[in-house]
C-alpha atoms as a PDB file:
ATOM      1  CA  UNK A   1      88.844 107.240 109.994  1.00  0.00           C
ATOM      2  CA  UNK A   2      91.714 106.301 107.682  1.00  0.00           C
ATOM      3  CA  UNK A   3      94.360 108.659 106.365  1.00  0.00           C
ATOM      4  CA  UNK A   4      96.569 107.970 103.379  1.00  0.00           C
ATOM      5  CA  UNK A   5      99.864 109.396 104.647  1.00  0.00           C
ATOM      6  CA  UNK A   6     102.037 108.981 101.562  1.00  0.00           C
ATOM      7  CA  UNK A   7      99.701 111.151  99.480  1.00  0.00           C
ATOM      8  CA  UNK A   8     100.138 114.092 101.862  1.00  0.00           C
ATOM      9  CA  UNK A   9     103.950 113.992 102.149  1.00  0.00           C
ATOM     10  CA  UNK A  10     105.871 116.732 100.391  1.00  0.00           C
ATOM     11  CA  UNK A  11     103.444 119.630 100.755  1.00  0.00           C
ATOM     12  CA  UNK A  12     104.877 122.740 102.437  1.00  0.00           C
ATOM     13  CA  UNK A  13     101.505 123.394 104.060  1.00  0.00           C
ATOM     14  CA  UNK A  14      98.222 121.533 104.391  1.00  0.00           C
ATOM     15  CA  UNK A  15      94.950 123.398 104.583  1.00  0.00           C
ATOM     16  CA  UNK A  16      91.743 122.277 106.257  1.00  0.00           C
ATOM     17  CA  UNK A  17      88.575 124.242 105.610  1.00  0.00           C
ATOM     18  CA  UNK A  18      87.019 124.889 109.025  1.00  0.00           C
ATOM     19  CA  UNK A  19      84.354 127.467 108.115  1.00  0.00           C
ATOM     20  CA  UNK A  20      83.091 129.722 105.356  1.00  0.00           C
ATOM     21  CA  UNK A  21      82.677 133.450 104.964  1.00  0.00           C
ATOM     22  CA  UNK A  22      79.181 133.701 103.507  1.00  0.00           C
ATOM     23  CA  UNK A  23      78.066 137.209 102.591  1.00  0.00           C
ATOM     24  CA  UNK A  24      80.239 138.657 105.359  1.00  0.00           C
ATOM     25  CA  UNK A  25      79.176 136.153 108.023  1.00  0.00           C
ATOM     26  CA  UNK A  26      81.270 133.240 109.311  1.00  0.00           C
ATOM     27  CA  UNK A  27      79.387 129.954 109.150  1.00  0.00           C
ATOM     28  CA  UNK A  28      80.530 126.388 109.885  1.00  0.00           C
ATOM     29  CA  UNK A  29      78.252 124.578 107.442  1.00  0.00           C
ATOM     30  CA  UNK A  30      78.343 124.543 103.652  1.00  0.00           C
ATOM     31  CA  UNK A  31      75.673 126.963 102.421  1.00  0.00           C
ATOM     32  CA  UNK A  32      72.874 125.657 100.220  1.00  0.00           C
ATOM     33  CA  UNK A  33      73.700 128.133  97.457  1.00  0.00           C
ATOM     34  CA  UNK A  34      77.373 127.956  96.595  1.00  0.00           C
ATOM     35  CA  UNK A  35      77.907 131.234  94.804  1.00  0.00           C
ATOM     36  CA  UNK A  36      81.608 131.872  94.267  1.00  0.00           C
ATOM     37  CA  UNK A  37      81.161 135.603  94.796  1.00  0.00           C
ATOM     38  CA  UNK A  38      79.445 135.040  98.165  1.00  0.00           C
ATOM     39  CA  UNK A  39      81.298 132.045  99.634  1.00  0.00           C
ATOM     40  CA  UNK A  40      84.947 132.048 100.683  1.00  0.00           C
ATOM     41  CA  UNK A  41      86.455 129.071 102.545  1.00  0.00           C
ATOM     42  CA  UNK A  42      88.305 129.781 105.780  1.00  0.00           C
ATOM     43  CA  UNK A  43      91.321 127.511 106.217  1.00  0.00           C
ATOM     44  CA  UNK A  44      93.458 126.418 109.125  1.00  0.00           C
ATOM     45  CA  UNK A  45      96.976 125.795 107.855  1.00  0.00           C
ATOM     46  CA  UNK A  46      99.369 123.131 109.061  1.00  0.00           C
ATOM     47  CA  UNK A  47     103.053 122.765 108.364  1.00  0.00           C
ATOM     48  CA  UNK A  48     103.680 119.865 105.996  1.00  0.00           C
ATOM     49  CA  UNK A  49     106.330 117.164 106.180  1.00  0.00           C
ATOM     50  CA  UNK A  50     108.772 115.715 103.676  1.00  0.00           C
ATOM     51  CA  UNK A  51     109.563 112.378 105.306  1.00  0.00           C
ATOM     52  CA  UNK A  52     108.803 109.196 103.369  1.00  0.00           C
ATOM     53  CA  UNK A  53     106.067 107.554 105.440  1.00  0.00           C
ATOM     54  CA  UNK A  54     106.012 104.373 103.360  1.00  0.00           C
ATOM     55  CA  UNK A  55     108.847 102.811 105.374  1.00  0.00           C
ATOM     56  CA  UNK A  56     107.384 103.613 108.788  1.00  0.00           C
ATOM     57  CA  UNK A  57     106.092 100.766 110.923  1.00  0.00           C
ATOM     58  CA  UNK A  58     104.497 102.562 113.885  1.00  0.00           C
ATOM     59  CA  UNK A  59     103.124 105.959 114.778  1.00  0.00           C
ATOM     60  CA  UNK A  60     106.104 106.812 117.011  1.00  0.00           C
ATOM     61  CA  UNK A  61     108.040 107.278 113.753  1.00  0.00           C
ATOM     62  CA  UNK A  62     105.609 109.872 112.391  1.00  0.00           C
ATOM     63  CA  UNK A  63     106.913 113.421 111.982  1.00  0.00           C
ATOM     64  CA  UNK A  64     105.593 115.918 114.530  1.00  0.00           C
ATOM     65  CA  UNK A  65     103.702 117.735 111.776  1.00  0.00           C
ATOM     66  CA  UNK A  66     101.711 114.615 110.881  1.00  0.00           C
ATOM     67  CA  UNK A  67     100.892 113.977 114.542  1.00  0.00           C
ATOM     68  CA  UNK A  68      99.729 117.607 114.881  1.00  0.00           C
ATOM     69  CA  UNK A  69      97.537 117.182 111.772  1.00  0.00           C
ATOM     70  CA  UNK A  70      96.010 113.953 113.099  1.00  0.00           C
ATOM     71  CA  UNK A  71      95.415 115.489 116.556  1.00  0.00           C
ATOM     72  CA  UNK A  72      93.587 118.443 114.984  1.00  0.00           C
ATOM     73  CA  UNK A  73      91.387 116.132 112.899  1.00  0.00           C
ATOM     74  CA  UNK A  74      90.555 114.018 115.947  1.00  0.00           C
ATOM     75  CA  UNK A  75      89.627 117.113 117.956  1.00  0.00           C
ATOM     76  CA  UNK A  76      87.671 118.769 115.159  1.00  0.00           C
ATOM     77  CA  UNK A  77      85.789 115.612 114.141  1.00  0.00           C
ATOM     78  CA  UNK A  78      85.406 114.347 117.720  1.00  0.00           C
ATOM     79  CA  UNK A  79      86.502 110.831 116.746  1.00  0.00           C
ATOM     80  CA  UNK A  80      89.746 108.911 117.218  1.00  0.00           C
ATOM     81  CA  UNK A  81      91.838 108.113 114.174  1.00  0.00           C
ATOM     82  CA  UNK A  82      92.907 104.530 114.766  1.00  0.00           C
ATOM     83  CA  UNK A  83      94.335 103.548 111.366  1.00  0.00           C
ATOM     84  CA  UNK A  84      96.785 105.444 109.156  1.00  0.00           C
ATOM     85  CA  UNK A  85      97.744 104.062 105.760  1.00  0.00           C
ATOM     86  CA  UNK A  86     101.272 105.015 104.699  1.00  0.00           C
ATOM     87  CA  UNK A  87     101.306 103.218 101.343  1.00  0.00           C
ATOM     88  CA  UNK A  88      99.389 100.947  98.984  1.00  0.00           C
ATOM     89  CA  UNK A  89     100.485  97.629 100.512  1.00  0.00           C
ATOM     90  CA  UNK A  90      98.394  96.045 103.272  1.00  0.00           C
ATOM     91  CA  UNK A  91     101.557  95.913 105.393  1.00  0.00           C
ATOM     92  CA  UNK A  92     101.728  99.711 105.173  1.00  0.00           C
ATOM     93  CA  UNK A  93      98.828 100.123 107.584  1.00  0.00           C
ATOM     94  CA  UNK A  94      99.583 101.513 111.024  1.00  0.00           C
ATOM     95  CA  UNK A  95      97.203 100.944 113.926  1.00  0.00           C
ATOM     96  CA  UNK A  96      97.378 103.699 116.528  1.00  0.00           C
END
């Protein structure tokens, strides 16, 4: 999985939808009928970061908040995140 780091910098918080409240019940899949009055996303919030990732050359330079975000995604998705893009240039790709 690839993450575009520069796009996420500067947010005070990042939200990941982990479930939905569907007609009073918590479900972890997107319901077939998406009726705004019956479906409310449930988010896990993460503290954002303000560092400029575009100059970083390895993951040891990542802010703690980004590492926490990546660790959550890896755990939740049950896959390792091996590549993080920190800018548009090919040289701005970090292999973890």
